Amino acid sequence: MNGSLLRFYVHEDHRQHGRLVWEWLLEQGNRLGVRGGSAFKAMAGFGRHHTLHEARFFELAGTLCVEVEFIVTPEEAQKLLDLVHREKVRLFYANVPARFGVISPDAADPPAIAEDP
């Protein structure tokens, strides 16, 4: 199936409605019916201010990036992007074309993703 890798980059301590944004994004993706999502904490990185942040410095707790990603259909990507826009959450994101499916699917896999690669 053709879709995309929709990845959001958020600060680990950024909050929305009292929740950490990375948790909120995963909850919203689940609520919208996205098949799955994951969050990954960065070891180091820099953003638009070009300040390098590294996990080894305790005093920088909360300044590292968390990547939240979903493999989605075009419709699912649009729903997530529309929601983030409506909620006025300031996030950097990437939406990269992807082909996805399940190799050796079982009966629990939706037919739409149980394709041969």
N, C-alpha and C. Protein backbone atom coordinates (compact mmCIF):
# COMPACT_ATOMS: atom_id res chain seq x y z
N MET A 1 0.84 -1.17 0.00
CA MET A 1 0.00 0.00 0.00
C MET A 1 0.89 1.23 0.00
N ASN A 2 0.48 2.25 -0.70
CA ASN A 2 1.23 3.50 -0.72
C ASN A 2 0.66 4.45 0.32
N GLY A 3 1.56 5.11 1.01
CA GLY A 3 1.18 6.07 2.04
C GLY A 3 2.38 6.93 2.35
N SER A 4 2.57 7.21 3.64
CA SER A 4 3.72 8.04 4.01
C SER A 4 4.17 7.75 5.43
N LEU A 5 5.40 8.15 5.68
CA LEU A 5 5.96 8.18 7.02
C LEU A 5 5.74 9.60 7.50
N LEU A 6 4.88 9.77 8.47
CA LEU A 6 4.59 11.08 9.04
C LEU A 6 5.31 11.17 10.38
N ARG A 7 6.29 12.05 10.44
CA ARG A 7 7.13 12.15 11.64
C ARG A 7 7.05 13.56 12.21
N PHE A 8 6.80 13.63 13.51
CA PHE A 8 6.77 14.90 14.23
C PHE A 8 7.99 14.96 15.14
N TYR A 9 8.56 16.14 15.28
CA TYR A 9 9.69 16.37 16.17
C TYR A 9 9.23 17.31 17.27
N VAL A 10 9.32 16.85 18.52
CA VAL A 10 8.84 17.66 19.64
C VAL A 10 9.89 17.65 20.77
N HIS A 11 9.90 18.70 21.58
CA HIS A 11 10.74 18.70 22.77
C HIS A 11 10.11 17.75 23.78
N GLU A 12 10.94 17.01 24.48
CA GLU A 12 10.43 15.98 25.39
C GLU A 12 9.55 16.54 26.49
N ASP A 13 9.68 17.82 26.86
CA ASP A 13 8.85 18.39 27.93
C ASP A 13 7.72 19.29 27.42
N HIS A 14 7.54 19.37 26.10
CA HIS A 14 6.47 20.17 25.49
C HIS A 14 5.11 19.54 25.83
N ARG A 15 4.16 20.37 26.24
CA ARG A 15 2.85 19.87 26.67
C ARG A 15 1.71 20.44 25.85
N GLN A 16 0.63 19.64 25.77
CA GLN A 16 -0.62 20.02 25.12
C GLN A 16 -1.76 19.48 25.97
N HIS A 17 -2.65 20.35 26.41
CA HIS A 17 -3.77 19.95 27.27
C HIS A 17 -3.27 19.18 28.50
N GLY A 18 -2.15 19.62 29.06
CA GLY A 18 -1.62 18.99 30.27
C GLY A 18 -0.88 17.69 30.04
N ARG A 19 -0.79 17.24 28.80
CA ARG A 19 -0.12 15.98 28.47
C ARG A 19 1.17 16.29 27.73
N LEU A 20 2.15 15.40 27.85
CA LEU A 20 3.34 15.55 27.03
C LEU A 20 2.91 15.41 25.57
N VAL A 21 3.43 16.27 24.70
CA VAL A 21 2.97 16.29 23.31
C VAL A 21 3.19 14.94 22.63
N TRP A 22 4.31 14.29 22.91
CA TRP A 22 4.53 12.99 22.24
C TRP A 22 3.48 11.98 22.67
N GLU A 23 3.06 12.01 23.95
CA GLU A 23 1.99 11.12 24.40
C GLU A 23 0.67 11.51 23.75
N TRP A 24 0.40 12.81 23.72
CA TRP A 24 -0.83 13.33 23.14
C TRP A 24 -0.95 12.92 21.67
N LEU A 25 0.17 13.05 20.91
CA LEU A 25 0.14 12.66 19.50
C LEU A 25 -0.17 11.17 19.32
N LEU A 26 0.47 10.32 20.12
CA LEU A 26 0.19 8.89 20.04
C LEU A 26 -1.27 8.59 20.38
N GLU A 27 -1.78 9.24 21.42
CA GLU A 27 -3.19 9.04 21.80
C GLU A 27 -4.12 9.48 20.68
N GLN A 28 -3.83 10.62 20.06
CA GLN A 28 -4.69 11.12 19.00
C GLN A 28 -4.62 10.23 17.77
N GLY A 29 -3.43 9.75 17.42
CA GLY A 29 -3.31 8.82 16.30
C GLY A 29 -4.11 7.56 16.55
N ASN A 30 -4.04 7.04 17.76
CA ASN A 30 -4.80 5.85 18.13
C ASN A 30 -6.30 6.12 18.04
N ARG A 31 -6.72 7.26 18.56
CA ARG A 31 -8.14 7.64 18.54
C ARG A 31 -8.66 7.79 17.11
N LEU A 32 -7.80 8.26 16.21
CA LEU A 32 -8.19 8.45 14.81
C LEU A 32 -8.15 7.16 13.99
N GLY A 33 -7.68 6.05 14.60
CA GLY A 33 -7.69 4.77 13.91
C GLY A 33 -6.41 4.45 13.15
N VAL A 34 -5.35 5.23 13.37
CA VAL A 34 -4.07 4.92 12.73
C VAL A 34 -3.62 3.56 13.25
N ARG A 35 -3.07 2.72 12.37
CA ARG A 35 -2.71 1.34 12.72
C ARG A 35 -1.61 1.24 13.77
N GLY A 36 -0.75 2.26 13.88
CA GLY A 36 0.31 2.21 14.87
C GLY A 36 1.16 3.46 14.84
N GLY A 37 1.82 3.73 15.94
CA GLY A 37 2.71 4.87 16.04
C GLY A 37 3.78 4.57 17.07
N SER A 38 4.88 5.28 16.99
CA SER A 38 5.99 5.08 17.93
C SER A 38 6.61 6.41 18.28
N ALA A 39 7.24 6.47 19.46
CA ALA A 39 7.99 7.65 19.89
C ALA A 39 9.40 7.21 20.23
N PHE A 40 10.38 8.01 19.78
CA PHE A 40 11.79 7.71 20.00
C PHE A 40 12.48 8.93 20.56
N LYS A 41 13.21 8.77 21.65
CA LYS A 41 13.93 9.87 22.26
C LYS A 41 15.32 9.98 21.62
N ALA A 42 15.71 11.19 21.28
CA ALA A 42 17.00 11.43 20.65
C ALA A 42 18.13 11.33 21.67
N MET A 43 19.30 10.97 21.19
CA MET A 43 20.52 10.98 22.00
C MET A 43 21.15 12.37 21.98
N ALA A 44 21.04 13.03 20.85
CA ALA A 44 21.60 14.36 20.67
C ALA A 44 20.96 14.99 19.45
N GLY A 45 21.06 16.31 19.36
CA GLY A 45 20.53 16.97 18.18
C GLY A 45 20.59 18.48 18.31
N PHE A 46 20.24 19.14 17.21
CA PHE A 46 20.11 20.59 17.22
C PHE A 46 18.96 20.97 16.30
N GLY A 47 18.44 22.16 16.50
CA GLY A 47 17.32 22.64 15.71
C GLY A 47 17.64 23.99 15.11
N ARG A 48 16.62 24.79 14.94
CA ARG A 48 16.75 26.06 14.24
C ARG A 48 17.68 27.05 14.91
N HIS A 49 17.91 26.89 16.23
CA HIS A 49 18.81 27.79 16.95
C HIS A 49 20.26 27.30 16.90
N HIS A 50 20.50 26.13 16.31
CA HIS A 50 21.83 25.55 16.13
C HIS A 50 22.59 25.36 17.43
N THR A 51 21.84 25.05 18.49
CA THR A 51 22.45 24.71 19.78
C THR A 51 22.41 23.20 19.91
N LEU A 52 23.57 22.60 20.13
CA LEU A 52 23.65 21.15 20.26
C LEU A 52 23.23 20.73 21.66
N HIS A 53 22.28 19.80 21.74
CA HIS A 53 21.81 19.24 23.01
C HIS A 53 22.18 17.77 23.03
N GLU A 54 22.71 17.31 24.15
CA GLU A 54 23.11 15.92 24.27
C GLU A 54 22.52 15.31 25.53
N ALA A 55 22.19 14.04 25.48
CA ALA A 55 21.54 13.34 26.59
C ALA A 55 22.45 13.22 27.81
N ARG A 56 23.74 13.36 27.67
CA ARG A 56 24.64 13.13 28.79
C ARG A 56 24.65 14.25 29.81
N PHE A 57 24.12 15.41 29.48
CA PHE A 57 24.11 16.53 30.41
C PHE A 57 22.81 16.56 31.19
N PHE A 58 22.87 16.24 32.46
CA PHE A 58 21.67 16.19 33.30
C PHE A 58 20.94 17.52 33.33
N GLU A 59 21.69 18.63 33.36
CA GLU A 59 21.07 19.94 33.46
C GLU A 59 20.24 20.30 32.22
N LEU A 60 20.38 19.54 31.15
CA LEU A 60 19.60 19.81 29.94
C LEU A 60 18.36 18.92 29.84
N ALA A 61 17.99 18.29 30.93
CA ALA A 61 16.81 17.43 30.92
C ALA A 61 15.61 18.20 30.36
N GLY A 62 14.91 17.58 29.45
CA GLY A 62 13.72 18.21 28.87
C GLY A 62 14.00 18.95 27.58
N THR A 63 15.27 19.08 27.18
CA THR A 63 15.58 19.85 25.98
C THR A 63 15.81 18.98 24.75
N LEU A 64 15.84 17.68 24.92
CA LEU A 64 16.06 16.80 23.78
C LEU A 64 14.79 16.61 22.97
N CYS A 65 14.96 16.10 21.79
CA CYS A 65 13.85 15.89 20.87
C CYS A 65 13.28 14.48 21.02
N VAL A 66 11.99 14.37 20.83
CA VAL A 66 11.32 13.09 20.71
C VAL A 66 10.71 13.05 19.31
N GLU A 67 11.00 11.98 18.58
CA GLU A 67 10.40 11.78 17.27
C GLU A 67 9.17 10.91 17.45
N VAL A 68 8.05 11.37 16.94
CA VAL A 68 6.81 10.60 16.97
C VAL A 68 6.47 10.30 15.53
N GLU A 69 6.37 9.01 15.20
CA GLU A 69 6.14 8.68 13.81
C GLU A 69 5.00 7.70 13.62
N PHE A 70 4.39 7.85 12.46
CA PHE A 70 3.28 7.01 12.05
C PHE A 70 3.50 6.62 10.59
N ILE A 71 3.20 5.39 10.22
CA ILE A 71 3.11 4.99 8.82
C ILE A 71 1.63 5.03 8.49
N VAL A 72 1.25 5.91 7.58
CA VAL A 72 -0.16 6.23 7.40
C VAL A 72 -0.57 6.28 5.93
N THR A 73 -1.87 6.15 5.73
CA THR A 73 -2.46 6.39 4.41
C THR A 73 -2.53 7.92 4.23
N PRO A 74 -2.74 8.38 3.01
CA PRO A 74 -2.88 9.83 2.82
C PRO A 74 -4.01 10.44 3.65
N GLU A 75 -5.10 9.70 3.80
CA GLU A 75 -6.24 10.19 4.58
C GLU A 75 -5.88 10.30 6.07
N GLU A 76 -5.18 9.30 6.59
CA GLU A 76 -4.77 9.32 8.00
C GLU A 76 -3.79 10.46 8.26
N ALA A 77 -2.85 10.66 7.33
CA ALA A 77 -1.89 11.76 7.48
C ALA A 77 -2.63 13.09 7.53
N GLN A 78 -3.59 13.28 6.64
CA GLN A 78 -4.33 14.54 6.61
C GLN A 78 -5.12 14.75 7.89
N LYS A 79 -5.73 13.69 8.42
CA LYS A 79 -6.47 13.82 9.69
C LYS A 79 -5.56 14.26 10.82
N LEU A 80 -4.37 13.65 10.91
CA LEU A 80 -3.43 14.03 11.97
C LEU A 80 -2.94 15.47 11.79
N LEU A 81 -2.59 15.84 10.57
CA LEU A 81 -2.12 17.21 10.32
C LEU A 81 -3.22 18.23 10.58
N ASP A 82 -4.44 17.92 10.18
CA ASP A 82 -5.58 18.82 10.44
C ASP A 82 -5.79 18.99 11.95
N LEU A 83 -5.70 17.91 12.70
CA LEU A 83 -5.88 17.98 14.15
C LEU A 83 -4.82 18.86 14.80
N VAL A 84 -3.56 18.65 14.44
CA VAL A 84 -2.47 19.44 15.00
C VAL A 84 -2.67 20.92 14.66
N HIS A 85 -3.10 21.19 13.44
CA HIS A 85 -3.36 22.57 13.03
C HIS A 85 -4.52 23.18 13.83
N ARG A 86 -5.63 22.45 13.97
CA ARG A 86 -6.78 22.94 14.74
C ARG A 86 -6.42 23.23 16.18
N GLU A 87 -5.57 22.37 16.77
CA GLU A 87 -5.16 22.52 18.17
C GLU A 87 -4.06 23.57 18.35
N LYS A 88 -3.57 24.11 17.22
CA LYS A 88 -2.54 25.15 17.23
C LYS A 88 -1.27 24.71 17.96
N VAL A 89 -0.88 23.45 17.73
CA VAL A 89 0.35 22.92 18.31
C VAL A 89 1.48 23.27 17.34
N ARG A 90 2.49 23.94 17.83
CA ARG A 90 3.63 24.33 16.98
C ARG A 90 4.61 23.16 16.93
N LEU A 91 4.68 22.50 15.77
CA LEU A 91 5.52 21.32 15.60
C LEU A 91 6.23 21.36 14.25
N PHE A 92 7.43 20.84 14.23
CA PHE A 92 8.12 20.57 12.97
C PHE A 92 7.77 19.14 12.58
N TYR A 93 7.53 18.90 11.29
CA TYR A 93 7.18 17.55 10.86
C TYR A 93 7.77 17.26 9.49
N ALA A 94 7.80 15.99 9.17
CA ALA A 94 8.20 15.53 7.83
C ALA A 94 7.16 14.51 7.39
N ASN A 95 6.81 14.57 6.12
CA ASN A 95 5.84 13.64 5.54
C ASN A 95 6.49 13.06 4.29
N VAL A 96 6.99 11.83 4.39
CA VAL A 96 7.80 11.21 3.35
C VAL A 96 7.02 10.05 2.73
N PRO A 97 6.96 9.98 1.40
CA PRO A 97 6.27 8.86 0.76
C PRO A 97 6.84 7.51 1.22
N ALA A 98 5.95 6.54 1.40
CA ALA A 98 6.38 5.20 1.83
C ALA A 98 5.44 4.15 1.24
N ARG A 99 6.00 3.01 0.97
CA ARG A 99 5.20 1.85 0.57
C ARG A 99 5.26 0.90 1.76
N PHE A 100 4.10 0.41 2.19
CA PHE A 100 4.09 -0.45 3.36
C PHE A 100 3.11 -1.59 3.20
N GLY A 101 3.33 -2.61 3.99
CA GLY A 101 2.49 -3.80 3.96
C GLY A 101 2.94 -4.76 5.02
N VAL A 102 2.35 -5.93 5.03
CA VAL A 102 2.68 -6.98 5.99
C VAL A 102 3.14 -8.20 5.20
N ILE A 103 4.33 -8.68 5.51
CA ILE A 103 4.84 -9.91 4.90
C ILE A 103 4.28 -11.08 5.69
N SER A 104 3.77 -12.08 5.00
CA SER A 104 3.14 -13.25 5.64
C SER A 104 2.03 -12.82 6.59
N PRO A 105 1.02 -12.11 6.10
CA PRO A 105 -0.06 -11.61 6.95
C PRO A 105 -0.87 -12.76 7.57
N ASP A 106 -1.50 -12.44 8.69
CA ASP A 106 -2.42 -13.40 9.30
C ASP A 106 -3.84 -12.84 9.21
N ALA A 107 -4.78 -13.55 9.73
CA ALA A 107 -6.19 -13.18 9.63
C ALA A 107 -6.51 -11.83 10.31
N ALA A 108 -5.70 -11.42 11.27
CA ALA A 108 -5.95 -10.16 12.00
C ALA A 108 -5.51 -8.92 11.22
N ASP A 109 -4.72 -9.10 10.14
CA ASP A 109 -4.23 -7.96 9.37
C ASP A 109 -5.31 -7.46 8.42
N PRO A 110 -5.52 -6.14 8.37
CA PRO A 110 -6.49 -5.61 7.42
C PRO A 110 -6.07 -5.96 5.99
N PRO A 111 -7.00 -6.31 5.12
CA PRO A 111 -6.66 -6.68 3.74
C PRO A 111 -5.88 -5.58 3.01
N ALA A 112 -6.14 -4.32 3.32
CA ALA A 112 -5.49 -3.21 2.62
C ALA A 112 -3.99 -3.18 2.81
N ILE A 113 -3.48 -3.75 3.91
CA ILE A 113 -2.03 -3.70 4.12
C ILE A 113 -1.38 -5.07 3.96
N ALA A 114 -2.15 -6.09 3.67
CA ALA A 114 -1.59 -7.43 3.51
C ALA A 114 -1.24 -7.65 2.04
N GLU A 115 -0.35 -6.79 1.52
CA GLU A 115 0.04 -6.86 0.12
C GLU A 115 1.44 -7.41 0.00
N ASP A 116 1.75 -7.91 -1.19
CA ASP A 116 3.13 -8.30 -1.48
C ASP A 116 3.94 -7.05 -1.71
N PRO A 117 5.18 -6.98 -1.19
CA PRO A 117 6.01 -5.79 -1.41
C PRO A 117 6.46 -5.70 -2.85
